[in-house]
Amino acid sequence: MELTTLARACGKQDVHHLEPEDLVALTVKAAAMARLPLAGTNWIPGLKARRRLVDGRQLRNAWLLPAVGRK
């Protein structure tokens, strides 16, 4: 029930319509641990400053590249 309310707050009709771009963190610590943008910004703590996320592919790459050791 609560998750459905959150999905509708994001403008989606169903939980299954949520996308990675809809995820944000509410605290700096949570954003750093989850590698998600801080709510209301494009900033992800721990990533290079001024790096902006434009689409889901960049979000996916920001999560995967550090894990595979790419510089």
N, C-alpha and C. Protein backbone atom coordinates (compact mmCIF):
# COMPACT_ATOMS: atom_id res chain seq x y z
N MET A 1 0.81 -1.19 0.00
CA MET A 1 0.00 0.00 0.00
C MET A 1 0.87 1.27 0.00
N GLU A 2 1.86 1.32 0.89
CA GLU A 2 2.72 2.51 0.96
C GLU A 2 3.55 2.66 -0.31
N LEU A 3 4.02 1.53 -0.85
CA LEU A 3 4.82 1.59 -2.06
C LEU A 3 4.00 2.09 -3.25
N THR A 4 2.75 1.71 -3.30
CA THR A 4 1.87 2.20 -4.36
C THR A 4 1.70 3.71 -4.24
N THR A 5 1.59 4.21 -3.03
CA THR A 5 1.47 5.65 -2.81
C THR A 5 2.73 6.37 -3.29
N LEU A 6 3.90 5.80 -3.01
CA LEU A 6 5.15 6.40 -3.47
C LEU A 6 5.25 6.39 -4.99
N ALA A 7 4.81 5.30 -5.61
CA ALA A 7 4.84 5.22 -7.07
C ALA A 7 3.95 6.31 -7.68
N ARG A 8 2.79 6.50 -7.09
CA ARG A 8 1.88 7.53 -7.61
C ARG A 8 2.43 8.93 -7.38
N ALA A 9 3.18 9.11 -6.29
CA ALA A 9 3.82 10.41 -6.03
C ALA A 9 4.87 10.72 -7.09
N CYS A 10 5.45 9.67 -7.69
CA CYS A 10 6.44 9.85 -8.76
C CYS A 10 5.76 10.00 -10.13
N GLY A 11 4.44 9.96 -10.15
CA GLY A 11 3.72 10.11 -11.41
C GLY A 11 3.53 8.81 -12.15
N LYS A 12 3.72 7.70 -11.47
CA LYS A 12 3.56 6.38 -12.09
C LYS A 12 2.25 5.77 -11.60
N GLN A 13 1.63 4.95 -12.42
CA GLN A 13 0.36 4.33 -12.04
C GLN A 13 0.56 3.04 -11.25
N ASP A 14 1.73 2.43 -11.38
CA ASP A 14 1.97 1.13 -10.74
C ASP A 14 3.41 1.05 -10.28
N VAL A 15 3.66 0.25 -9.28
CA VAL A 15 5.02 0.06 -8.77
C VAL A 15 5.93 -0.50 -9.86
N HIS A 16 5.39 -1.31 -10.73
CA HIS A 16 6.18 -1.92 -11.79
C HIS A 16 6.62 -0.93 -12.86
N HIS A 17 6.08 0.27 -12.83
CA HIS A 17 6.46 1.30 -13.79
C HIS A 17 7.59 2.19 -13.28
N LEU A 18 8.04 1.97 -12.05
CA LEU A 18 9.16 2.75 -11.51
C LEU A 18 10.44 2.39 -12.25
N GLU A 19 11.30 3.37 -12.44
CA GLU A 19 12.56 3.18 -13.15
C GLU A 19 13.72 3.58 -12.26
N PRO A 20 14.95 3.20 -12.60
CA PRO A 20 16.11 3.58 -11.78
C PRO A 20 16.24 5.09 -11.59
N GLU A 21 15.80 5.86 -12.56
CA GLU A 21 15.89 7.32 -12.46
C GLU A 21 14.98 7.87 -11.36
N ASP A 22 14.01 7.08 -10.92
CA ASP A 22 13.09 7.53 -9.88
C ASP A 22 13.67 7.39 -8.48
N LEU A 23 14.80 6.69 -8.35
CA LEU A 23 15.40 6.46 -7.03
C LEU A 23 16.29 7.62 -6.62
N VAL A 24 16.13 8.08 -5.40
CA VAL A 24 17.01 9.09 -4.80
C VAL A 24 17.21 8.73 -3.34
N ALA A 25 18.24 9.30 -2.74
CA ALA A 25 18.51 9.09 -1.32
C ALA A 25 18.14 10.35 -0.55
N LEU A 26 17.74 10.17 0.69
CA LEU A 26 17.30 11.31 1.49
C LEU A 26 18.42 11.91 2.33
N THR A 27 19.49 11.17 2.56
CA THR A 27 20.62 11.70 3.34
C THR A 27 21.91 11.52 2.54
N VAL A 28 22.91 12.31 2.88
CA VAL A 28 24.20 12.22 2.19
C VAL A 28 24.81 10.84 2.41
N LYS A 29 24.72 10.33 3.62
CA LYS A 29 25.29 9.02 3.93
C LYS A 29 24.61 7.91 3.11
N ALA A 30 23.29 7.96 3.02
CA ALA A 30 22.56 6.96 2.23
C ALA A 30 22.90 7.09 0.75
N ALA A 31 23.05 8.32 0.26
CA ALA A 31 23.40 8.54 -1.14
C ALA A 31 24.77 7.97 -1.45
N ALA A 32 25.72 8.14 -0.53
CA ALA A 32 27.07 7.63 -0.74
C ALA A 32 27.09 6.10 -0.73
N MET A 33 26.37 5.50 0.20
CA MET A 33 26.37 4.04 0.30
C MET A 33 25.65 3.40 -0.88
N ALA A 34 24.55 3.97 -1.33
CA ALA A 34 23.76 3.39 -2.40
C ALA A 34 24.18 3.88 -3.78
N ARG A 35 25.06 4.89 -3.81
CA ARG A 35 25.48 5.52 -5.07
C ARG A 35 24.28 6.00 -5.87
N LEU A 36 23.40 6.68 -5.16
CA LEU A 36 22.22 7.31 -5.76
C LEU A 36 22.33 8.81 -5.59
N PRO A 37 21.67 9.59 -6.45
CA PRO A 37 21.69 11.04 -6.26
C PRO A 37 20.96 11.45 -4.99
N LEU A 38 21.46 12.49 -4.36
CA LEU A 38 20.79 13.06 -3.21
C LEU A 38 19.50 13.72 -3.69
N ALA A 39 18.43 13.56 -2.94
CA ALA A 39 17.12 14.08 -3.34
C ALA A 39 17.21 15.57 -3.67
N GLY A 40 16.68 15.95 -4.81
CA GLY A 40 16.66 17.35 -5.23
C GLY A 40 17.91 17.80 -5.95
N THR A 41 18.88 16.90 -6.14
CA THR A 41 20.13 17.25 -6.82
C THR A 41 20.50 16.14 -7.80
N ASN A 42 21.55 16.37 -8.56
CA ASN A 42 22.15 15.34 -9.41
C ASN A 42 23.44 14.82 -8.79
N TRP A 43 23.75 15.27 -7.58
CA TRP A 43 25.02 14.97 -6.93
C TRP A 43 25.00 13.60 -6.26
N ILE A 44 26.01 12.81 -6.54
CA ILE A 44 26.20 11.52 -5.88
C ILE A 44 27.50 11.60 -5.10
N PRO A 45 27.44 11.56 -3.77
CA PRO A 45 28.67 11.64 -2.97
C PRO A 45 29.61 10.49 -3.32
N GLY A 46 30.89 10.81 -3.47
CA GLY A 46 31.88 9.79 -3.80
C GLY A 46 32.22 9.74 -5.27
N LEU A 47 31.36 10.28 -6.12
CA LEU A 47 31.68 10.34 -7.54
C LEU A 47 32.33 11.69 -7.82
N LYS A 48 32.95 11.80 -8.96
CA LYS A 48 33.63 13.05 -9.30
C LYS A 48 32.67 14.22 -9.23
N ALA A 49 33.18 15.32 -8.71
CA ALA A 49 32.36 16.54 -8.60
C ALA A 49 31.93 17.00 -9.99
N ARG A 50 30.78 17.59 -10.05
CA ARG A 50 30.20 18.14 -11.27
C ARG A 50 29.75 17.08 -12.27
N ARG A 51 29.80 15.82 -11.90
CA ARG A 51 29.31 14.79 -12.82
C ARG A 51 27.79 14.74 -12.70
N ARG A 52 27.13 14.84 -13.82
CA ARG A 52 25.67 14.87 -13.81
C ARG A 52 25.15 13.60 -14.46
N LEU A 53 24.05 13.12 -13.94
CA LEU A 53 23.40 11.94 -14.50
C LEU A 53 22.25 12.39 -15.37
N VAL A 54 22.27 11.97 -16.61
CA VAL A 54 21.25 12.41 -17.53
C VAL A 54 20.21 11.31 -17.77
N ASP A 55 20.66 10.08 -17.89
CA ASP A 55 19.71 9.02 -18.15
C ASP A 55 20.09 7.76 -17.36
N GLY A 56 19.27 6.74 -17.50
CA GLY A 56 19.46 5.51 -16.76
C GLY A 56 20.75 4.79 -17.07
N ARG A 57 21.24 4.92 -18.30
CA ARG A 57 22.50 4.26 -18.65
C ARG A 57 23.65 4.84 -17.85
N GLN A 58 23.66 6.16 -17.68
CA GLN A 58 24.72 6.76 -16.88
C GLN A 58 24.60 6.36 -15.42
N LEU A 59 23.38 6.24 -14.92
CA LEU A 59 23.19 5.79 -13.55
C LEU A 59 23.70 4.36 -13.39
N ARG A 60 23.39 3.50 -14.34
CA ARG A 60 23.86 2.11 -14.31
C ARG A 60 25.38 2.08 -14.37
N ASN A 61 25.98 2.86 -15.26
CA ASN A 61 27.44 2.88 -15.39
C ASN A 61 28.11 3.43 -14.14
N ALA A 62 27.50 4.43 -13.52
CA ALA A 62 28.06 4.98 -12.28
C ALA A 62 28.09 3.92 -11.20
N TRP A 63 27.14 3.00 -11.23
CA TRP A 63 27.09 1.94 -10.23
C TRP A 63 28.03 0.80 -10.59
N LEU A 64 28.12 0.44 -11.87
CA LEU A 64 28.89 -0.73 -12.27
C LEU A 64 30.37 -0.48 -12.48
N LEU A 65 30.75 0.68 -13.01
CA LEU A 65 32.16 0.91 -13.34
C LEU A 65 33.09 0.79 -12.14
N PRO A 66 32.78 1.37 -10.97
CA PRO A 66 33.69 1.20 -9.84
C PRO A 66 33.81 -0.27 -9.42
N ALA A 67 32.75 -1.06 -9.61
CA ALA A 67 32.78 -2.46 -9.19
C ALA A 67 33.70 -3.30 -10.07
N VAL A 68 33.86 -2.94 -11.33
CA VAL A 68 34.73 -3.72 -12.21
C VAL A 68 36.13 -3.15 -12.29
N GLY A 69 36.40 -2.10 -11.54
CA GLY A 69 37.74 -1.54 -11.46
C GLY A 69 38.14 -0.65 -12.61
N ARG A 70 37.18 -0.19 -13.40
CA ARG A 70 37.49 0.70 -14.52
C ARG A 70 37.74 2.11 -14.00
N LYS A 71 38.72 2.79 -14.57
CA LYS A 71 39.08 4.12 -14.10
C LYS A 71 38.47 5.21 -14.93
